[in-house]
Amino acid sequence: MKLIALPAFADNYIWMLHDGVRAVVVDPGDAAPVQEALGRLQLQLAGILVTHHHADHVGGVNALRPLLQGPVYGPRKEKIPTPFEPLEEGDRVQVLGLDFGILDVPGHTAGHIAYVQQGAAKQPLLFCGDTLFSAGCGRLFEGTPAQMHQSLSKFAALPADTRVCCTHEYTLSNLRFAAAVEPGNAARASYQTQCEALRADGQPTLPSSIGLELTINPFMRCSAPEVIATAVAHGSGSPDPVAVLAALREWKNRF
């Protein structure tokens, strides 16, 4: 099974998972990169996974339907292009012989879901949409800090080697913010050097891993002393993890 990040727009990734014959894509905001990859690799489109309703994640769904030989899956609580098979936490889907469980992860949007594969693949896979980014998290357009904290806590409970397939190349800007939040984090500094080299070479910084994010991502480190101290200095008013996340997210919006 091969995992490919297809660049789209300015900084999106459409994830493609394929076995050499059939492919599934995640959050195809633009049909063109998917169509090009399917033709170049001579793949059949066996399914589409959608995490949330934003246009840069669903804009290419209908244009891909003539090529589609399987279902479109998406969040039960959000409006995405129909027809689709609605999913919510506790549901499971079979994709290219792999079993994916569904998590409800509101915060960025109200009905956002994530797809988690564990078992048959060499490393587990997480398609997390815009809830989690490397060294960051999504803006709270429709949800609350408490919801985002709970969603990130669900991810934190996954195996450390889970590959984190985020849908935007925000890593370097997120790491600059993470350096301001937790300047003493040596792991973050080392990771930033690695990511700068990857981007200079035209390579994606993704996928990340859950273990790495727990080490360098301030939004998943809301109980770390230096993160708490910085958040309090920026108005959290409390060391409570939800208050810390809220203060960090508000600061990041203006950073």
Protein backbone atom coordinates (compact mmCIF):
# COMPACT_ATOMS: atom_id res chain seq x y z
CA MET A 1 0.00 0.00 0.00
CA LYS A 2 1.40 3.38 -1.02
CA LEU A 3 0.58 6.76 0.50
CA ILE A 4 1.01 9.89 -1.62
CA ALA A 5 0.45 13.57 -0.81
CA LEU A 6 -0.98 15.32 -3.89
CA PRO A 7 -0.39 19.10 -3.68
CA ALA A 8 -3.44 21.28 -4.37
CA PHE A 9 -4.12 25.03 -4.26
CA ALA A 10 -1.44 26.99 -2.38
CA ASP A 11 -0.83 24.63 0.56
CA ASN A 12 -3.38 21.78 0.59
CA TYR A 13 -2.59 18.08 0.38
CA ILE A 14 -5.04 15.55 -1.04
CA TRP A 15 -3.96 12.20 0.37
CA MET A 16 -4.04 9.23 -1.99
CA LEU A 17 -3.77 5.65 -0.73
CA HIS A 18 -3.35 2.99 -3.42
CA ASP A 19 -2.38 -0.66 -3.91
CA GLY A 20 -1.13 -0.35 -7.49
CA VAL A 21 -4.60 -0.98 -8.95
CA ARG A 22 -7.17 0.89 -6.88
CA ALA A 23 -6.94 4.19 -5.04
CA VAL A 24 -8.80 6.13 -2.38
CA VAL A 25 -8.42 9.89 -1.92
CA VAL A 26 -9.04 12.04 1.12
CA ASP A 27 -10.56 15.54 1.00
CA PRO A 28 -10.29 16.23 -2.75
CA GLY A 29 -10.86 19.97 -2.82
CA ASP A 30 -9.64 20.02 -6.41
CA ALA A 31 -10.29 17.23 -8.90
CA ALA A 32 -7.38 18.01 -11.24
CA PRO A 33 -4.48 16.65 -9.13
CA VAL A 34 -6.45 13.46 -8.48
CA GLN A 35 -7.34 13.00 -12.14
CA GLU A 36 -3.69 13.51 -13.13
CA ALA A 37 -2.40 11.00 -10.56
CA LEU A 38 -5.03 8.38 -11.46
CA GLY A 39 -4.09 8.64 -15.12
CA ARG A 40 -0.34 8.69 -14.57
CA LEU A 41 -0.41 5.68 -12.22
CA GLN A 42 -3.23 3.90 -14.10
CA LEU A 43 -5.38 3.56 -11.00
CA GLN A 44 -9.11 3.06 -10.48
CA LEU A 45 -10.77 5.43 -8.00
CA ALA A 46 -12.35 3.12 -5.44
CA GLY A 47 -13.52 5.65 -2.86
CA ILE A 48 -13.44 9.17 -1.45
CA LEU A 49 -13.08 10.03 2.25
CA VAL A 50 -14.21 13.46 3.44
CA THR A 51 -13.42 14.88 6.89
CA HIS A 52 -15.42 18.14 6.85
CA HIS A 53 -17.46 20.44 4.65
CA HIS A 54 -15.05 23.26 3.72
CA ALA A 55 -14.79 23.94 0.00
CA ASP A 56 -11.06 23.23 -0.20
CA HIS A 57 -11.84 19.69 0.98
CA VAL A 58 -14.98 18.85 -1.01
CA GLY A 59 -14.76 21.08 -4.11
CA GLY A 60 -13.56 18.26 -6.39
CA VAL A 61 -15.94 15.52 -5.23
CA ASN A 62 -18.62 15.91 -7.89
CA ALA A 63 -16.08 16.30 -10.71
CA LEU A 64 -14.55 12.96 -9.67
CA ARG A 65 -17.83 11.02 -9.60
CA PRO A 66 -17.61 9.92 -13.28
CA LEU A 67 -14.37 8.11 -12.37
CA LEU A 68 -15.59 6.78 -9.04
CA GLN A 69 -16.15 3.04 -8.62
CA GLY A 70 -17.10 3.11 -4.95
CA PRO A 71 -18.62 5.26 -2.22
CA VAL A 72 -18.08 8.77 -0.96
CA TYR A 73 -17.86 8.77 2.83
CA GLY A 74 -18.33 11.87 4.95
CA PRO A 75 -19.43 13.33 8.30
CA ARG A 76 -23.03 12.63 9.22
CA LYS A 77 -23.44 16.04 10.88
CA GLU A 78 -22.18 18.18 8.00
CA LYS A 79 -23.47 19.16 4.57
CA ILE A 80 -21.21 17.73 1.87
CA PRO A 81 -21.96 16.90 -1.79
CA THR A 82 -24.56 14.16 -2.04
CA PRO A 83 -24.90 11.26 -2.35
CA PHE A 84 -22.54 10.08 0.36
CA GLU A 85 -22.45 7.53 3.14
CA PRO A 86 -22.73 9.38 6.48
CA LEU A 87 -20.34 8.45 9.28
CA GLU A 88 -19.91 9.25 12.95
CA GLU A 89 -17.81 8.01 15.86
CA GLY A 90 -18.06 4.26 16.30
CA ASP A 91 -18.64 3.54 12.61
CA ARG A 92 -16.12 1.54 10.58
CA VAL A 93 -15.40 1.43 6.85
CA GLN A 94 -13.38 -0.95 4.68
CA VAL A 95 -10.99 0.84 2.31
CA LEU A 96 -8.71 -1.17 -0.03
CA GLY A 97 -8.84 -4.04 2.42
CA LEU A 98 -7.97 -1.81 5.37
CA ASP A 99 -10.30 -1.18 8.29
CA PHE A 100 -10.82 2.45 9.32
CA GLY A 101 -12.55 3.56 12.49
CA ILE A 102 -14.24 6.95 12.75
CA LEU A 103 -13.67 9.58 15.44
CA ASP A 104 -15.83 12.64 16.01
CA VAL A 105 -13.34 15.52 16.30
CA PRO A 106 -15.25 18.83 16.40
CA GLY A 107 -13.51 22.14 16.92
CA HIS A 108 -12.46 23.37 13.50
CA THR A 109 -16.00 22.59 12.28
CA ALA A 110 -18.96 21.33 14.25
CA GLY A 111 -19.20 17.89 12.65
CA HIS A 112 -15.58 17.17 11.68
CA ILE A 113 -14.58 13.50 11.63
CA ALA A 114 -11.26 11.65 11.35
CA TYR A 115 -10.39 8.25 9.89
CA VAL A 116 -8.08 5.96 11.89
CA GLN A 117 -6.58 2.77 10.50
CA GLN A 118 -4.86 0.28 12.79
CA GLY A 119 -3.79 -3.31 12.28
CA ALA A 120 -2.95 -4.47 8.77
CA ALA A 121 -0.70 -1.61 7.67
CA LYS A 122 2.93 -1.40 8.74
CA GLN A 123 2.13 1.79 10.67
CA PRO A 124 -1.32 3.04 11.68
CA LEU A 125 -2.78 5.89 9.64
CA LEU A 126 -4.73 8.96 10.72
CA PHE A 127 -6.52 11.19 8.23
CA CYS A 128 -7.27 14.14 10.48
CA GLY A 129 -8.39 16.86 8.07
CA ASP A 130 -7.94 20.31 9.60
CA THR A 131 -8.27 19.32 13.27
CA LEU A 132 -4.57 18.58 13.76
CA PHE A 133 -1.62 20.06 11.89
CA SER A 134 2.02 19.34 12.52
CA ALA A 135 2.93 21.64 15.43
CA GLY A 136 -0.54 23.19 15.31
CA CYS A 137 -4.30 22.75 15.20
CA GLY A 138 -7.14 24.16 13.13
CA ARG A 139 -8.83 27.47 13.74
CA LEU A 140 -12.00 27.24 15.81
CA PHE A 141 -14.47 28.33 13.14
CA GLU A 142 -17.48 26.44 14.54
CA GLY A 143 -16.31 24.73 17.73
CA THR A 144 -15.02 25.58 21.19
CA PRO A 145 -11.63 25.26 22.89
CA ALA A 146 -13.08 22.46 25.03
CA GLN A 147 -14.15 20.54 21.93
CA MET A 148 -10.75 21.00 20.29
CA HIS A 149 -8.96 19.87 23.45
CA GLN A 150 -11.12 16.76 23.62
CA SER A 151 -10.52 16.04 19.93
CA LEU A 152 -6.76 16.40 20.27
CA SER A 153 -6.89 14.18 23.37
CA LYS A 154 -8.47 11.44 21.24
CA PHE A 155 -5.53 11.69 18.86
CA ALA A 156 -3.06 11.69 21.76
CA ALA A 157 -4.41 8.30 22.83
CA LEU A 158 -3.51 6.70 19.49
CA PRO A 159 -0.29 4.65 19.10
CA ALA A 160 2.81 6.84 18.96
CA ASP A 161 3.81 5.53 15.51
CA THR A 162 0.48 6.53 13.93
CA ARG A 163 1.19 8.48 10.75
CA VAL A 164 -0.56 11.86 10.92
CA CYS A 165 -1.85 12.90 7.49
CA CYS A 166 -2.77 16.56 7.82
CA THR A 167 -4.27 18.43 4.89
CA HIS A 168 -2.21 21.64 4.86
CA GLU A 169 1.50 22.42 4.64
CA TYR A 170 1.49 24.75 7.64
CA THR A 171 4.38 23.11 9.47
CA LEU A 172 7.03 25.83 9.27
CA SER A 173 4.70 28.65 10.28
CA ASN A 174 3.34 26.49 13.10
CA LEU A 175 6.88 25.75 14.28
CA ARG A 176 7.71 29.45 14.42
CA PHE A 177 4.73 29.88 16.73
CA ALA A 178 5.71 26.79 18.74
CA ALA A 179 9.18 28.32 19.25
CA ALA A 180 7.56 31.40 20.78
CA VAL A 181 5.36 29.26 23.04
CA GLU A 182 8.02 26.80 24.20
CA PRO A 183 11.50 28.18 23.36
CA GLY A 184 13.20 25.62 25.60
CA ASN A 185 11.88 22.61 23.64
CA ALA A 186 14.98 21.08 22.01
CA ALA A 187 12.96 18.47 20.11
CA ARG A 188 10.97 21.25 18.45
CA ALA A 189 14.16 23.05 17.42
CA SER A 190 15.61 19.88 15.88
CA TYR A 191 12.37 19.12 14.04
CA GLN A 192 12.25 22.68 12.70
CA THR A 193 15.71 22.23 11.17
CA GLN A 194 14.58 18.98 9.52
CA CYS A 195 11.42 20.59 8.13
CA GLU A 196 13.27 23.59 6.77
CA ALA A 197 15.56 21.22 4.85
CA LEU A 198 12.58 19.27 3.48
CA ARG A 199 10.82 22.39 2.25
CA ALA A 200 14.02 23.77 0.74
CA ASP A 201 14.18 20.54 -1.26
CA GLY A 202 10.56 20.86 -2.33
CA GLN A 203 9.44 17.96 -0.15
CA PRO A 204 6.39 17.81 2.16
CA THR A 205 6.94 17.81 5.90
CA LEU A 206 4.12 15.29 6.26
CA PRO A 207 3.07 12.78 7.37
CA SER A 208 4.04 13.47 10.96
CA SER A 209 3.43 11.03 13.81
CA ILE A 210 1.44 11.13 17.04
CA GLY A 211 4.60 10.55 19.08
CA LEU A 212 6.30 13.51 17.42
CA GLU A 213 3.30 15.80 17.86
CA LEU A 214 3.14 14.99 21.57
CA THR A 215 6.75 16.16 21.76
CA ILE A 216 6.65 19.37 19.69
CA ASN A 217 3.04 20.55 19.24
CA PRO A 218 2.04 23.18 21.85
CA PHE A 219 -1.66 22.45 21.35
CA MET A 220 -1.02 18.85 22.43
CA ARG A 221 1.26 19.97 25.26
CA CYS A 222 -1.18 22.14 27.22
CA SER A 223 -0.03 20.55 30.50
CA ALA A 224 3.70 21.22 29.93
CA PRO A 225 5.03 23.81 32.42
CA GLU A 226 6.60 26.16 29.86
CA VAL A 227 3.49 26.04 27.67
CA ILE A 228 1.28 26.83 30.67
CA ALA A 229 3.52 29.72 31.71
CA THR A 230 3.45 31.22 28.22
CA ALA A 231 -0.32 30.84 27.94
CA VAL A 232 -0.87 32.49 31.31
CA ALA A 233 1.33 35.37 30.17
CA HIS A 234 -0.93 35.71 27.14
CA GLY A 235 -4.16 35.86 29.07
CA SER A 236 -5.31 32.34 29.80
CA GLY A 237 -6.00 33.24 33.42
CA SER A 238 -5.77 29.58 34.40
CA PRO A 239 -3.40 26.62 34.04
CA ASP A 240 -6.36 24.44 33.04
CA PRO A 241 -5.54 22.74 29.68
CA VAL A 242 -8.69 24.06 27.98
CA ALA A 243 -7.91 27.62 29.09
CA VAL A 244 -4.32 27.16 27.93
CA LEU A 245 -5.45 25.93 24.51
CA ALA A 246 -7.93 28.80 24.19
CA ALA A 247 -5.23 31.39 24.95
CA LEU A 248 -2.76 29.77 22.56
CA ARG A 249 -5.30 29.52 19.73
CA GLU A 250 -6.32 33.16 20.13
CA TRP A 251 -2.66 34.25 20.14
CA LYS A 252 -1.93 32.07 17.10
CA ASN A 253 -4.79 33.77 15.21
CA ARG A 254 -2.87 37.05 15.51
CA PHE A 255 0.69 35.71 15.41
